[in-house]
Amino acid sequence: IFVAFGWIQVAQNTKRCHDVNRSGVYQLIPFYTIYLLFAEGDKFRNQYGPSPKYTNDEEDQIWN
């Protein structure tokens, strides 16, 4: 059970790292996950994909 929960935690932390445009390896830095709790994600598409928080319409309105 601990392995399953550990795997889920690593996967979620990796997704959050990608949300702030960082590699998932950054979660190995001590206390980086605490930073991720308070960090604002990217508003636009980054190398890991589109922002799950903002839609394409909002992105188009910002640029126009």
Protein backbone atom coordinates (compact mmCIF):
# COMPACT_ATOMS: atom_id res chain seq x y z
CA ILE A 1 0.00 0.00 0.00
CA PHE A 2 2.86 2.39 0.79
CA VAL A 3 4.37 1.78 -2.63
CA ALA A 4 1.07 2.61 -4.32
CA PHE A 5 0.62 5.84 -2.35
CA GLY A 6 4.26 6.76 -2.94
CA TRP A 7 3.84 6.26 -6.68
CA ILE A 8 0.72 8.44 -6.72
CA GLN A 9 2.51 11.16 -4.74
CA VAL A 10 5.46 11.21 -7.13
CA ALA A 11 3.11 11.36 -10.14
CA GLN A 12 1.12 14.26 -8.69
CA ASN A 13 4.27 16.18 -7.73
CA THR A 14 5.60 15.68 -11.27
CA LYS A 15 2.37 17.10 -12.72
CA ARG A 16 2.64 20.09 -10.41
CA CYS A 17 6.28 20.65 -11.41
CA HIS A 18 5.21 20.64 -15.05
CA ASP A 19 2.47 23.15 -14.19
CA VAL A 20 5.15 25.64 -13.12
CA ASN A 21 7.30 24.73 -16.16
CA ARG A 22 9.91 22.69 -14.31
CA SER A 23 11.13 19.15 -14.73
CA GLY A 24 9.76 16.51 -12.39
CA VAL A 25 13.31 15.95 -11.10
CA TYR A 26 12.98 19.20 -9.14
CA GLN A 27 10.82 17.40 -6.59
CA LEU A 28 13.99 15.73 -5.35
CA ILE A 29 15.15 19.09 -3.95
CA PRO A 30 14.38 19.22 -0.22
CA PHE A 31 11.33 21.36 0.61
CA TYR A 32 10.58 22.03 -3.09
CA THR A 33 7.14 20.47 -2.68
CA ILE A 34 6.36 23.13 -0.07
CA TYR A 35 7.24 25.79 -2.64
CA LEU A 36 4.88 24.08 -5.11
CA LEU A 37 2.00 24.53 -2.67
CA PHE A 38 2.22 28.31 -3.02
CA ALA A 39 3.61 28.77 -6.55
CA GLU A 40 1.35 30.09 -9.29
CA GLY A 41 1.23 27.93 -12.41
CA ASP A 42 1.97 29.21 -15.88
CA LYS A 43 -0.98 30.99 -17.48
CA PHE A 44 -0.04 29.95 -21.00
CA ARG A 45 1.10 26.84 -22.80
CA ASN A 46 4.57 25.69 -21.83
CA GLN A 47 6.78 22.85 -23.03
CA TYR A 48 4.67 20.38 -21.01
CA GLY A 49 1.34 21.37 -22.56
CA PRO A 50 -1.51 23.84 -22.08
CA SER A 51 -2.50 25.27 -18.73
CA PRO A 52 -5.30 23.27 -17.11
CA LYS A 53 -6.45 26.40 -15.27
CA TYR A 54 -6.90 28.74 -18.24
CA THR A 55 -8.79 28.03 -21.46
CA ASN A 56 -7.69 29.00 -24.94
CA ASP A 57 -10.33 31.76 -25.01
CA GLU A 58 -8.79 33.46 -21.98
CA GLU A 59 -5.34 33.17 -23.53
CA ASP A 60 -6.61 34.74 -26.78
CA GLN A 61 -8.23 37.63 -24.86
CA ILE A 62 -4.99 38.41 -23.05
CA TRP A 63 -3.04 38.60 -26.31
CA ASN A 64 -5.68 40.65 -28.20
